[in-house]
Amino acid sequence: MKIGVLFDLDGTLLDTLEDLMDATNAALAQFSYPPRTLEEIRRFVGNGAARLIQLAVPEGAATEPVLAAFQQYYRTHCQGRTAPYAGVVEAIQRLDMPMAIVSNKPDVAVKALCEKYFSGVYALGESADCPRKPAPDMVRKAMAVIGVERCVYVGDSEVDVATARNAGVPCLSVLWGFRDEAQLRAAGATHFCRRPEDLPTLIRDLTAQ
């Protein structure tokens, strides 16, 4: 049976938080709405751009025009302050197995970022024809594309824990991302990675179960 590994992107492989904050605040400023702090953005991310903007705008405000402004800005500013977490690229390079990246970020941004940092790895973002996580569709589509029957799913949030559960695959939760251990345990996480350099060993251990 062919086994692979699927990764979330934001908070797992890449620290994208500052670029997301900049794009959110640029969009809010167009409508004279107050800006959001980095910690607020940290709490808001994980469920796609639409949900991020729903949480960022003032209560009762229309979200559609702000979302459009966010998407337009982020499309050309998604790489300004984004970078891989220290040690992540090296850890990925040590994995001798099929892999893919699945993200609730818009597909165009996912592909641009992954081409820059993880060239050659199949990457899938949010699109109209594939429901976003925690629905299992993205996981199943990525598994089919890379040709695996089983996988380990690696992520940093409660959305990732639910995604893995819905897809029927084991989840490895990283602790350097956008959620802390207590939040992940409350969401049902049971396997944790504290350092990027431990990823290959922990992924292999989960594939053996």
N, C-alpha and C. Protein backbone atom coordinates (compact mmCIF):
# COMPACT_ATOMS: atom_id res chain seq x y z
N MET A 1 0.84 -1.19 0.00
CA MET A 1 0.00 0.00 0.00
C MET A 1 0.88 1.25 0.00
N LYS A 2 0.64 2.15 -0.93
CA LYS A 2 1.45 3.35 -1.06
C LYS A 2 0.99 4.42 -0.06
N ILE A 3 1.93 4.94 0.72
CA ILE A 3 1.62 5.89 1.80
C ILE A 3 2.29 7.23 1.50
N GLY A 4 1.59 8.32 1.77
CA GLY A 4 2.14 9.65 1.57
C GLY A 4 1.91 10.54 2.77
N VAL A 5 2.24 11.82 2.60
CA VAL A 5 2.04 12.81 3.66
C VAL A 5 1.46 14.07 3.03
N LEU A 6 0.46 14.63 3.70
CA LEU A 6 -0.17 15.87 3.27
C LEU A 6 0.09 16.94 4.32
N PHE A 7 0.44 18.14 3.88
CA PHE A 7 0.72 19.25 4.78
C PHE A 7 -0.28 20.38 4.60
N ASP A 8 -0.72 20.95 5.70
CA ASP A 8 -1.31 22.27 5.68
C ASP A 8 -0.21 23.27 5.32
N LEU A 9 -0.57 24.50 4.96
CA LEU A 9 0.44 25.48 4.56
C LEU A 9 0.67 26.55 5.63
N ASP A 10 -0.34 27.41 5.85
CA ASP A 10 -0.19 28.51 6.81
C ASP A 10 -0.07 27.98 8.23
N GLY A 11 0.99 28.38 8.93
CA GLY A 11 1.16 27.95 10.31
C GLY A 11 1.81 26.60 10.45
N THR A 12 1.97 25.88 9.35
CA THR A 12 2.58 24.55 9.37
C THR A 12 3.91 24.58 8.64
N LEU A 13 3.90 24.98 7.39
CA LEU A 13 5.12 25.10 6.60
C LEU A 13 5.60 26.55 6.51
N LEU A 14 4.66 27.47 6.35
CA LEU A 14 5.01 28.88 6.17
C LEU A 14 4.40 29.75 7.27
N ASP A 15 5.18 30.74 7.73
CA ASP A 15 4.65 31.77 8.62
C ASP A 15 4.13 32.90 7.74
N THR A 16 2.84 32.90 7.53
CA THR A 16 2.19 33.85 6.63
C THR A 16 1.44 34.95 7.37
N LEU A 17 1.54 34.96 8.68
CA LEU A 17 0.64 35.77 9.50
C LEU A 17 0.77 37.27 9.21
N GLU A 18 1.99 37.77 9.05
CA GLU A 18 2.15 39.22 8.86
C GLU A 18 1.61 39.68 7.50
N ASP A 19 1.81 38.86 6.47
CA ASP A 19 1.24 39.22 5.17
C ASP A 19 -0.29 39.17 5.21
N LEU A 20 -0.86 38.22 5.93
CA LEU A 20 -2.31 38.16 6.07
C LEU A 20 -2.83 39.37 6.84
N MET A 21 -2.10 39.78 7.87
CA MET A 21 -2.49 40.98 8.61
C MET A 21 -2.42 42.21 7.72
N ASP A 22 -1.34 42.34 6.96
CA ASP A 22 -1.19 43.51 6.08
C ASP A 22 -2.32 43.57 5.05
N ALA A 23 -2.66 42.43 4.46
CA ALA A 23 -3.72 42.40 3.45
C ALA A 23 -5.08 42.71 4.07
N THR A 24 -5.32 42.14 5.24
CA THR A 24 -6.58 42.40 5.94
C THR A 24 -6.71 43.88 6.28
N ASN A 25 -5.66 44.46 6.83
CA ASN A 25 -5.73 45.87 7.23
C ASN A 25 -5.77 46.82 6.04
N ALA A 26 -5.12 46.44 4.94
CA ALA A 26 -5.23 47.25 3.73
C ALA A 26 -6.66 47.27 3.22
N ALA A 27 -7.32 46.10 3.27
CA ALA A 27 -8.72 46.03 2.84
C ALA A 27 -9.63 46.80 3.79
N LEU A 28 -9.42 46.64 5.08
CA LEU A 28 -10.25 47.36 6.05
C LEU A 28 -10.09 48.87 5.90
N ALA A 29 -8.86 49.32 5.64
CA ALA A 29 -8.61 50.76 5.51
C ALA A 29 -9.36 51.37 4.34
N GLN A 30 -9.59 50.59 3.29
CA GLN A 30 -10.32 51.12 2.13
C GLN A 30 -11.75 51.53 2.49
N PHE A 31 -12.27 50.93 3.58
CA PHE A 31 -13.64 51.23 4.01
C PHE A 31 -13.66 51.97 5.34
N SER A 32 -12.51 52.49 5.74
CA SER A 32 -12.36 53.26 6.99
C SER A 32 -12.72 52.45 8.22
N TYR A 33 -12.46 51.13 8.15
CA TYR A 33 -12.66 50.27 9.31
C TYR A 33 -11.36 50.20 10.10
N PRO A 34 -11.45 50.00 11.42
CA PRO A 34 -10.22 49.95 12.23
C PRO A 34 -9.38 48.71 11.91
N PRO A 35 -8.05 48.82 12.06
CA PRO A 35 -7.17 47.68 11.77
C PRO A 35 -7.26 46.62 12.84
N ARG A 36 -6.75 45.45 12.50
CA ARG A 36 -6.69 44.32 13.43
C ARG A 36 -5.23 44.03 13.80
N THR A 37 -5.03 43.56 15.02
CA THR A 37 -3.69 43.24 15.50
C THR A 37 -3.25 41.87 14.99
N LEU A 38 -1.96 41.60 15.14
CA LEU A 38 -1.42 40.30 14.72
C LEU A 38 -2.08 39.17 15.49
N GLU A 39 -2.30 39.35 16.78
CA GLU A 39 -2.91 38.28 17.57
C GLU A 39 -4.37 38.06 17.18
N GLU A 40 -5.07 39.11 16.80
CA GLU A 40 -6.44 38.93 16.31
C GLU A 40 -6.43 38.14 15.01
N ILE A 41 -5.54 38.48 14.10
CA ILE A 41 -5.45 37.74 12.84
C ILE A 41 -5.10 36.28 13.11
N ARG A 42 -4.24 36.02 14.07
CA ARG A 42 -3.88 34.64 14.43
C ARG A 42 -5.13 33.85 14.80
N ARG A 43 -6.03 34.48 15.55
CA ARG A 43 -7.26 33.78 15.95
C ARG A 43 -8.22 33.61 14.79
N PHE A 44 -8.18 34.53 13.83
CA PHE A 44 -9.17 34.54 12.76
C PHE A 44 -8.85 33.56 11.62
N VAL A 45 -7.58 33.21 11.44
CA VAL A 45 -7.21 32.41 10.27
C VAL A 45 -7.51 30.93 10.48
N GLY A 46 -7.57 30.21 9.36
CA GLY A 46 -7.74 28.76 9.41
C GLY A 46 -8.92 28.24 8.62
N ASN A 47 -9.92 29.11 8.42
CA ASN A 47 -11.12 28.67 7.72
C ASN A 47 -11.35 29.39 6.40
N GLY A 48 -10.27 29.87 5.80
CA GLY A 48 -10.38 30.52 4.50
C GLY A 48 -10.50 32.03 4.60
N ALA A 49 -10.31 32.69 3.46
CA ALA A 49 -10.29 34.15 3.42
C ALA A 49 -11.65 34.76 3.78
N ALA A 50 -12.72 34.14 3.34
CA ALA A 50 -14.05 34.70 3.61
C ALA A 50 -14.31 34.76 5.12
N ARG A 51 -13.95 33.70 5.82
CA ARG A 51 -14.16 33.67 7.27
C ARG A 51 -13.23 34.67 7.97
N LEU A 52 -12.01 34.80 7.49
CA LEU A 52 -11.09 35.78 8.05
C LEU A 52 -11.69 37.18 7.98
N ILE A 53 -12.22 37.55 6.84
CA ILE A 53 -12.79 38.88 6.67
C ILE A 53 -14.09 39.04 7.47
N GLN A 54 -14.89 37.99 7.55
CA GLN A 54 -16.11 38.05 8.37
C GLN A 54 -15.79 38.41 9.81
N LEU A 55 -14.70 37.86 10.32
CA LEU A 55 -14.31 38.11 11.70
C LEU A 55 -13.61 39.46 11.86
N ALA A 56 -12.99 39.94 10.78
CA ALA A 56 -12.19 41.17 10.87
C ALA A 56 -13.02 42.44 10.76
N VAL A 57 -14.12 42.41 9.99
CA VAL A 57 -14.91 43.64 9.79
C VAL A 57 -15.73 43.94 11.04
N PRO A 58 -16.12 45.19 11.24
CA PRO A 58 -17.00 45.52 12.37
C PRO A 58 -18.33 44.76 12.27
N GLU A 59 -18.91 44.50 13.42
CA GLU A 59 -20.17 43.76 13.46
C GLU A 59 -21.23 44.46 12.61
N GLY A 60 -21.88 43.68 11.76
CA GLY A 60 -22.93 44.21 10.91
C GLY A 60 -22.47 44.76 9.58
N ALA A 61 -21.16 44.85 9.37
CA ALA A 61 -20.65 45.39 8.11
C ALA A 61 -20.74 44.35 7.01
N ALA A 62 -20.92 44.81 5.78
CA ALA A 62 -20.94 43.91 4.62
C ALA A 62 -19.53 43.37 4.39
N THR A 63 -19.44 42.07 4.15
CA THR A 63 -18.12 41.46 3.99
C THR A 63 -17.66 41.35 2.55
N GLU A 64 -18.59 41.27 1.61
CA GLU A 64 -18.20 40.98 0.23
C GLU A 64 -17.24 42.01 -0.37
N PRO A 65 -17.49 43.32 -0.23
CA PRO A 65 -16.53 44.27 -0.82
C PRO A 65 -15.17 44.25 -0.13
N VAL A 66 -15.16 43.99 1.17
CA VAL A 66 -13.89 43.93 1.90
C VAL A 66 -13.12 42.67 1.48
N LEU A 67 -13.82 41.58 1.30
CA LEU A 67 -13.18 40.35 0.85
C LEU A 67 -12.57 40.55 -0.53
N ALA A 68 -13.28 41.22 -1.42
CA ALA A 68 -12.75 41.47 -2.76
C ALA A 68 -11.49 42.32 -2.69
N ALA A 69 -11.49 43.31 -1.81
CA ALA A 69 -10.31 44.16 -1.64
C ALA A 69 -9.15 43.36 -1.06
N PHE A 70 -9.45 42.50 -0.10
CA PHE A 70 -8.41 41.64 0.49
C PHE A 70 -7.78 40.75 -0.57
N GLN A 71 -8.62 40.10 -1.36
CA GLN A 71 -8.11 39.17 -2.36
C GLN A 71 -7.26 39.87 -3.41
N GLN A 72 -7.69 41.06 -3.81
CA GLN A 72 -6.93 41.82 -4.80
C GLN A 72 -5.56 42.20 -4.24
N TYR A 73 -5.52 42.66 -3.00
CA TYR A 73 -4.26 43.06 -2.38
C TYR A 73 -3.35 41.86 -2.14
N TYR A 74 -3.92 40.80 -1.58
CA TYR A 74 -3.10 39.64 -1.19
C TYR A 74 -2.53 38.93 -2.41
N ARG A 75 -3.24 38.99 -3.51
CA ARG A 75 -2.79 38.32 -4.73
C ARG A 75 -1.40 38.81 -5.15
N THR A 76 -1.12 40.07 -4.91
CA THR A 76 0.17 40.64 -5.31
C THR A 76 1.09 40.95 -4.13
N HIS A 77 0.65 40.63 -2.91
CA HIS A 77 1.47 40.92 -1.73
C HIS A 77 1.57 39.72 -0.80
N CYS A 78 1.43 38.52 -1.33
CA CYS A 78 1.41 37.33 -0.47
C CYS A 78 2.80 36.84 -0.09
N GLN A 79 3.85 37.46 -0.66
CA GLN A 79 5.20 36.99 -0.39
C GLN A 79 6.08 38.04 0.28
N GLY A 80 5.49 39.14 0.72
CA GLY A 80 6.28 40.22 1.29
C GLY A 80 7.01 39.86 2.56
N ARG A 81 6.28 39.31 3.52
CA ARG A 81 6.90 38.99 4.82
C ARG A 81 6.71 37.51 5.19
N THR A 82 6.31 36.72 4.22
CA THR A 82 6.11 35.28 4.43
C THR A 82 7.42 34.54 4.25
N ALA A 83 7.63 33.51 5.08
CA ALA A 83 8.84 32.68 4.97
C ALA A 83 8.57 31.33 5.62
N PRO A 84 9.31 30.30 5.21
CA PRO A 84 9.18 29.00 5.88
C PRO A 84 9.66 29.09 7.33
N TYR A 85 9.06 28.31 8.19
CA TYR A 85 9.57 28.20 9.55
C TYR A 85 10.97 27.58 9.51
N ALA A 86 11.82 28.01 10.41
CA ALA A 86 13.20 27.52 10.44
C ALA A 86 13.23 26.00 10.55
N GLY A 87 13.95 25.36 9.64
CA GLY A 87 14.10 23.92 9.66
C GLY A 87 13.07 23.14 8.88
N VAL A 88 12.00 23.80 8.44
CA VAL A 88 10.93 23.10 7.74
C VAL A 88 11.37 22.60 6.37
N VAL A 89 12.02 23.44 5.59
CA VAL A 89 12.43 23.03 4.25
C VAL A 89 13.38 21.83 4.32
N GLU A 90 14.32 21.88 5.24
CA GLU A 90 15.27 20.77 5.40
C GLU A 90 14.55 19.49 5.81
N ALA A 91 13.56 19.60 6.69
CA ALA A 91 12.80 18.43 7.12
C ALA A 91 12.03 17.82 5.96
N ILE A 92 11.41 18.67 5.14
CA ILE A 92 10.66 18.20 3.98
C ILE A 92 11.59 17.46 3.01
N GLN A 93 12.78 17.97 2.84
CA GLN A 93 13.72 17.36 1.91
C GLN A 93 14.18 15.98 2.38
N ARG A 94 14.06 15.69 3.66
CA ARG A 94 14.47 14.39 4.20
C ARG A 94 13.38 13.34 4.06
N LEU A 95 12.20 13.73 3.65
CA LEU A 95 11.08 12.79 3.53
C LEU A 95 11.13 12.08 2.18
N ASP A 96 11.26 10.79 2.20
CA ASP A 96 11.32 10.00 0.97
C ASP A 96 9.97 9.33 0.74
N MET A 97 8.95 10.16 0.45
CA MET A 97 7.61 9.64 0.23
C MET A 97 6.81 10.67 -0.55
N PRO A 98 5.74 10.24 -1.23
CA PRO A 98 4.90 11.20 -1.94
C PRO A 98 4.31 12.22 -0.98
N MET A 99 4.22 13.47 -1.42
CA MET A 99 3.66 14.51 -0.54
C MET A 99 2.87 15.52 -1.34
N ALA A 100 1.99 16.23 -0.61
CA ALA A 100 1.18 17.28 -1.21
C ALA A 100 0.88 18.31 -0.13
N ILE A 101 0.43 19.47 -0.58
CA ILE A 101 0.07 20.57 0.32
C ILE A 101 -1.38 20.95 0.04
N VAL A 102 -2.19 21.01 1.10
CA VAL A 102 -3.60 21.40 0.96
C VAL A 102 -3.89 22.55 1.92
N SER A 103 -4.54 23.58 1.41
CA SER A 103 -4.71 24.81 2.20
C SER A 103 -6.05 25.44 1.91
N ASN A 104 -6.59 26.12 2.92
CA ASN A 104 -7.81 26.91 2.73
C ASN A 104 -7.52 28.29 2.15
N LYS A 105 -6.26 28.62 1.94
CA LYS A 105 -5.89 29.86 1.28
C LYS A 105 -6.34 29.77 -0.19
N PRO A 106 -6.67 30.91 -0.82
CA PRO A 106 -7.05 30.87 -2.24
C PRO A 106 -6.01 30.14 -3.09
N ASP A 107 -6.50 29.37 -4.04
CA ASP A 107 -5.62 28.48 -4.82
C ASP A 107 -4.50 29.23 -5.52
N VAL A 108 -4.77 30.42 -6.03
CA VAL A 108 -3.74 31.16 -6.76
C VAL A 108 -2.58 31.53 -5.84
N ALA A 109 -2.87 31.91 -4.59
CA ALA A 109 -1.81 32.24 -3.63
C ALA A 109 -1.07 30.99 -3.20
N VAL A 110 -1.79 29.90 -2.98
CA VAL A 110 -1.15 28.64 -2.59
C VAL A 110 -0.14 28.20 -3.65
N LYS A 111 -0.54 28.23 -4.89
CA LYS A 111 0.35 27.78 -5.96
C LYS A 111 1.56 28.70 -6.10
N ALA A 112 1.36 30.01 -5.94
CA ALA A 112 2.48 30.95 -6.04
C ALA A 112 3.48 30.72 -4.92
N LEU A 113 3.01 30.56 -3.71
CA LEU A 113 3.90 30.36 -2.57
C LEU A 113 4.60 29.01 -2.64
N CYS A 114 3.88 27.98 -3.02
CA CYS A 114 4.48 26.65 -3.05
C CYS A 114 5.48 26.53 -4.20
N GLU A 115 5.23 27.21 -5.29
CA GLU A 115 6.21 27.20 -6.38
C GLU A 115 7.52 27.84 -5.92
N LYS A 116 7.42 28.86 -5.08
CA LYS A 116 8.62 29.55 -4.59
C LYS A 116 9.38 28.71 -3.57
N TYR A 117 8.66 28.10 -2.63
CA TYR A 117 9.32 27.45 -1.50
C TYR A 117 9.36 25.93 -1.58
N PHE A 118 8.40 25.33 -2.28
CA PHE A 118 8.31 23.86 -2.33
C PHE A 118 8.04 23.41 -3.77
N SER A 119 8.86 23.87 -4.66
CA SER A 119 8.68 23.60 -6.09
C SER A 119 8.65 22.10 -6.35
N GLY A 120 7.68 21.67 -7.15
CA GLY A 120 7.54 20.26 -7.49
C GLY A 120 6.58 19.51 -6.61
N VAL A 121 6.16 20.11 -5.50
CA VAL A 121 5.19 19.46 -4.61
C VAL A 121 3.79 19.87 -5.06
N TYR A 122 2.90 18.90 -5.25
CA TYR A 122 1.53 19.21 -5.64
C TYR A 122 0.87 20.05 -4.54
N ALA A 123 0.24 21.17 -4.95
CA ALA A 123 -0.38 22.08 -3.99
C ALA A 123 -1.80 22.40 -4.43
N LEU A 124 -2.71 22.41 -3.46
CA LEU A 124 -4.13 22.63 -3.73
C LEU A 124 -4.67 23.64 -2.73
N GLY A 125 -5.27 24.72 -3.24
CA GLY A 125 -5.90 25.71 -2.40
C GLY A 125 -7.39 25.74 -2.60
N GLU A 126 -8.04 26.66 -1.90
CA GLU A 126 -9.50 26.77 -1.98
C GLU A 126 -9.93 27.17 -3.39
N SER A 127 -10.92 26.46 -3.90
CA SER A 127 -11.48 26.77 -5.21
C SER A 127 -12.96 26.38 -5.21
N ALA A 128 -13.68 26.86 -6.21
CA ALA A 128 -15.13 26.64 -6.25
C ALA A 128 -15.50 25.18 -6.40
N ASP A 129 -14.62 24.37 -6.99
CA ASP A 129 -14.97 22.98 -7.29
C ASP A 129 -14.48 21.99 -6.24
N CYS A 130 -13.95 22.49 -5.12
CA CYS A 130 -13.48 21.58 -4.08
C CYS A 130 -13.72 22.21 -2.71
N PRO A 131 -14.68 21.69 -1.93
CA PRO A 131 -14.99 22.29 -0.64
C PRO A 131 -13.75 22.40 0.25
N ARG A 132 -13.68 23.49 0.99
CA ARG A 132 -12.51 23.72 1.83
C ARG A 132 -12.55 22.86 3.08
N LYS A 133 -11.40 22.72 3.70
CA LYS A 133 -11.30 22.01 4.96
C LYS A 133 -12.17 22.70 6.01
N PRO A 134 -12.77 21.97 6.95
CA PRO A 134 -12.48 20.57 7.32
C PRO A 134 -13.21 19.50 6.53
N ALA A 135 -13.90 19.85 5.45
CA ALA A 135 -14.43 18.80 4.56
C ALA A 135 -13.25 17.96 4.06
N PRO A 136 -13.43 16.68 3.85
CA PRO A 136 -12.32 15.80 3.47
C PRO A 136 -11.95 15.86 1.99
N ASP A 137 -12.69 16.62 1.20
CA ASP A 137 -12.52 16.58 -0.26
C ASP A 137 -11.11 16.93 -0.71
N MET A 138 -10.51 17.96 -0.11
CA MET A 138 -9.17 18.37 -0.54
C MET A 138 -8.15 17.28 -0.26
N VAL A 139 -8.29 16.63 0.89
CA VAL A 139 -7.39 15.54 1.24
C VAL A 139 -7.53 14.40 0.23
N ARG A 140 -8.75 14.01 -0.06
CA ARG A 140 -8.98 12.90 -0.98
C ARG A 140 -8.51 13.23 -2.40
N LYS A 141 -8.73 14.47 -2.83
CA LYS A 141 -8.27 14.86 -4.16
C LYS A 141 -6.74 14.83 -4.23
N ALA A 142 -6.07 15.36 -3.21
CA ALA A 142 -4.61 15.37 -3.20
C ALA A 142 -4.05 13.96 -3.15
N MET A 143 -4.66 13.09 -2.37
CA MET A 143 -4.20 11.70 -2.30
C MET A 143 -4.31 11.03 -3.66
N ALA A 144 -5.40 11.29 -4.36
CA ALA A 144 -5.58 10.69 -5.69
C ALA A 144 -4.53 11.20 -6.67
N VAL A 145 -4.25 12.50 -6.61
CA VAL A 145 -3.29 13.09 -7.55
C VAL A 145 -1.89 12.53 -7.32
N ILE A 146 -1.47 12.38 -6.05
CA ILE A 146 -0.11 11.89 -5.79
C ILE A 146 -0.05 10.37 -5.73
N GLY A 147 -1.21 9.71 -5.87
CA GLY A 147 -1.23 8.26 -6.02
C GLY A 147 -0.98 7.47 -4.77
N VAL A 148 -1.58 7.91 -3.64
CA VAL A 148 -1.41 7.16 -2.39
C VAL A 148 -2.76 6.67 -1.89
N GLU A 149 -2.71 5.58 -1.17
CA GLU A 149 -3.92 5.01 -0.59
C GLU A 149 -4.10 5.37 0.88
N ARG A 150 -2.99 5.70 1.52
CA ARG A 150 -3.02 6.15 2.92
C ARG A 150 -2.12 7.36 3.04
N CYS A 151 -2.37 8.18 4.09
CA CYS A 151 -1.48 9.32 4.32
C CYS A 151 -1.52 9.74 5.78
N VAL A 152 -0.52 10.51 6.16
CA VAL A 152 -0.51 11.25 7.42
C VAL A 152 -0.79 12.70 7.07
N TYR A 153 -1.64 13.34 7.85
CA TYR A 153 -1.96 14.75 7.61
C TYR A 153 -1.27 15.58 8.69
N VAL A 154 -0.52 16.60 8.28
CA VAL A 154 0.23 17.45 9.20
C VAL A 154 -0.34 18.86 9.16
N GLY A 155 -0.74 19.38 10.32
CA GLY A 155 -1.30 20.72 10.38
C GLY A 155 -1.08 21.37 11.72
N ASP A 156 -1.60 22.59 11.88
CA ASP A 156 -1.33 23.35 13.10
C ASP A 156 -2.58 23.84 13.81
N SER A 157 -3.77 23.49 13.32
CA SER A 157 -4.98 24.09 13.89
C SER A 157 -6.07 23.06 14.14
N GLU A 158 -7.13 23.53 14.80
CA GLU A 158 -8.29 22.69 15.05
C GLU A 158 -8.96 22.30 13.73
N VAL A 159 -8.86 23.16 12.73
CA VAL A 159 -9.40 22.83 11.41
C VAL A 159 -8.68 21.62 10.83
N ASP A 160 -7.37 21.55 11.03
CA ASP A 160 -6.60 20.42 10.52
C ASP A 160 -6.92 19.13 11.26
N VAL A 161 -7.12 19.22 12.56
CA VAL A 161 -7.51 18.04 13.34
C VAL A 161 -8.84 17.50 12.81
N ALA A 162 -9.80 18.40 12.59
CA ALA A 162 -11.11 17.98 12.09
C ALA A 162 -11.01 17.45 10.66
N THR A 163 -10.16 18.05 9.85
CA THR A 163 -9.99 17.59 8.47
C THR A 163 -9.49 16.16 8.44
N ALA A 164 -8.45 15.88 9.22
CA ALA A 164 -7.90 14.53 9.27
C ALA A 164 -8.95 13.54 9.77
N ARG A 165 -9.69 13.93 10.79
CA ARG A 165 -10.73 13.04 11.32
C ARG A 165 -11.79 12.76 10.26
N ASN A 166 -12.22 13.79 9.55
CA ASN A 166 -13.25 13.61 8.52
C ASN A 166 -12.76 12.77 7.35
N ALA A 167 -11.44 12.84 7.09
CA ALA A 167 -10.87 12.06 6.00
C ALA A 167 -10.45 10.66 6.43
N GLY A 168 -10.50 10.40 7.73
CA GLY A 168 -10.13 9.08 8.24
C GLY A 168 -8.65 8.80 8.19
N VAL A 169 -7.82 9.85 8.41
CA VAL A 169 -6.36 9.67 8.37
C VAL A 169 -5.77 10.20 9.67
N PRO A 170 -4.60 9.70 10.08
CA PRO A 170 -3.96 10.21 11.30
C PRO A 170 -3.47 11.63 11.13
N CYS A 171 -3.50 12.40 12.22
CA CYS A 171 -3.09 13.80 12.20
C CYS A 171 -1.89 14.02 13.10
N LEU A 172 -0.90 14.72 12.59
CA LEU A 172 0.24 15.16 13.38
C LEU A 172 0.14 16.68 13.51
N SER A 173 -0.01 17.16 14.74
CA SER A 173 -0.20 18.60 14.98
C SER A 173 1.12 19.25 15.37
N VAL A 174 1.51 20.28 14.62
CA VAL A 174 2.75 20.98 14.93
C VAL A 174 2.47 22.10 15.93
N LEU A 175 3.48 22.41 16.75
CA LEU A 175 3.27 23.36 17.85
C LEU A 175 3.99 24.68 17.64
N TRP A 176 4.47 24.94 16.43
CA TRP A 176 5.11 26.24 16.16
C TRP A 176 4.19 27.16 15.36
N GLY A 177 2.95 26.75 15.14
CA GLY A 177 2.06 27.50 14.25
C GLY A 177 1.12 28.45 14.96
N PHE A 178 -0.14 28.50 14.49
CA PHE A 178 -1.08 29.53 14.91
C PHE A 178 -1.92 29.13 16.13
N ARG A 179 -1.81 27.89 16.60
CA ARG A 179 -2.56 27.45 17.78
C ARG A 179 -1.59 26.82 18.78
N ASP A 180 -1.95 26.89 20.07
CA ASP A 180 -1.09 26.28 21.08
C ASP A 180 -1.56 24.86 21.40
N GLU A 181 -0.79 24.17 22.22
CA GLU A 181 -1.09 22.76 22.50
C GLU A 181 -2.44 22.58 23.17
N ALA A 182 -2.78 23.48 24.09
CA ALA A 182 -4.06 23.35 24.80
C ALA A 182 -5.23 23.45 23.82
N GLN A 183 -5.15 24.38 22.88
CA GLN A 183 -6.22 24.52 21.88
C GLN A 183 -6.32 23.28 21.01
N LEU A 184 -5.17 22.72 20.65
CA LEU A 184 -5.17 21.53 19.79
C LEU A 184 -5.69 20.31 20.53
N ARG A 185 -5.30 20.16 21.78
CA ARG A 185 -5.82 19.03 22.58
C ARG A 185 -7.33 19.15 22.75
N ALA A 186 -7.81 20.37 22.97
CA ALA A 186 -9.25 20.58 23.11
C ALA A 186 -10.00 20.19 21.84
N ALA A 187 -9.32 20.30 20.71
CA ALA A 187 -9.92 19.95 19.42
C ALA A 187 -9.81 18.45 19.12
N GLY A 188 -9.08 17.72 19.98
CA GLY A 188 -8.97 16.28 19.80
C GLY A 188 -7.62 15.80 19.31
N ALA A 189 -6.63 16.69 19.21
CA ALA A 189 -5.30 16.28 18.75
C ALA A 189 -4.64 15.35 19.77
N THR A 190 -3.93 14.34 19.26
CA THR A 190 -3.26 13.37 20.14
C THR A 190 -1.79 13.17 19.79
N HIS A 191 -1.36 13.61 18.62
CA HIS A 191 0.03 13.45 18.20
C HIS A 191 0.61 14.83 17.89
N PHE A 192 1.78 15.12 18.46
CA PHE A 192 2.34 16.46 18.37
C PHE A 192 3.79 16.45 17.91
N CYS A 193 4.17 17.50 17.20
CA CYS A 193 5.55 17.71 16.79
C CYS A 193 5.99 19.08 17.30
N ARG A 194 7.04 19.10 18.10
CA ARG A 194 7.49 20.35 18.71
C ARG A 194 8.58 21.04 17.91
N ARG A 195 9.31 20.30 17.08
CA ARG A 195 10.41 20.88 16.31
C ARG A 195 10.36 20.36 14.88
N PRO A 196 10.57 21.23 13.89
CA PRO A 196 10.53 20.78 12.49
C PRO A 196 11.46 19.61 12.21
N GLU A 197 12.62 19.58 12.85
CA GLU A 197 13.57 18.50 12.57
C GLU A 197 13.05 17.13 12.99
N ASP A 198 12.00 17.10 13.82
CA ASP A 198 11.42 15.82 14.25
C ASP A 198 10.35 15.32 13.29
N LEU A 199 9.97 16.11 12.31
CA LEU A 199 8.88 15.72 11.41
C LEU A 199 9.11 14.37 10.73
N PRO A 200 10.27 14.13 10.10
CA PRO A 200 10.43 12.85 9.38
C PRO A 200 10.23 11.63 10.28
N THR A 201 10.81 11.66 11.48
CA THR A 201 10.68 10.51 12.38
C THR A 201 9.24 10.31 12.82
N LEU A 202 8.56 11.40 13.21
CA LEU A 202 7.19 11.28 13.70
C LEU A 202 6.23 10.88 12.59
N ILE A 203 6.45 11.37 11.38
CA ILE A 203 5.61 10.96 10.26
C ILE A 203 5.79 9.48 9.97
N ARG A 204 7.03 9.02 9.96
CA ARG A 204 7.27 7.58 9.74
C ARG A 204 6.64 6.73 10.83
N ASP A 205 6.70 7.21 12.07
CA ASP A 205 6.09 6.45 13.16
C ASP A 205 4.57 6.32 12.96
N LEU A 206 3.93 7.39 12.50
CA LEU A 206 2.48 7.34 12.29
C LEU A 206 2.12 6.47 11.10
N THR A 207 2.94 6.46 10.08
CA THR A 207 2.64 5.60 8.92
C THR A 207 2.75 4.13 9.27
N ALA A 208 3.50 3.82 10.32
CA ALA A 208 3.68 2.42 10.72
C ALA A 208 2.54 1.90 11.58
N GLN A 209 1.69 2.79 12.04
CA GLN A 209 0.59 2.38 12.94
C GLN A 209 -0.58 1.78 12.16
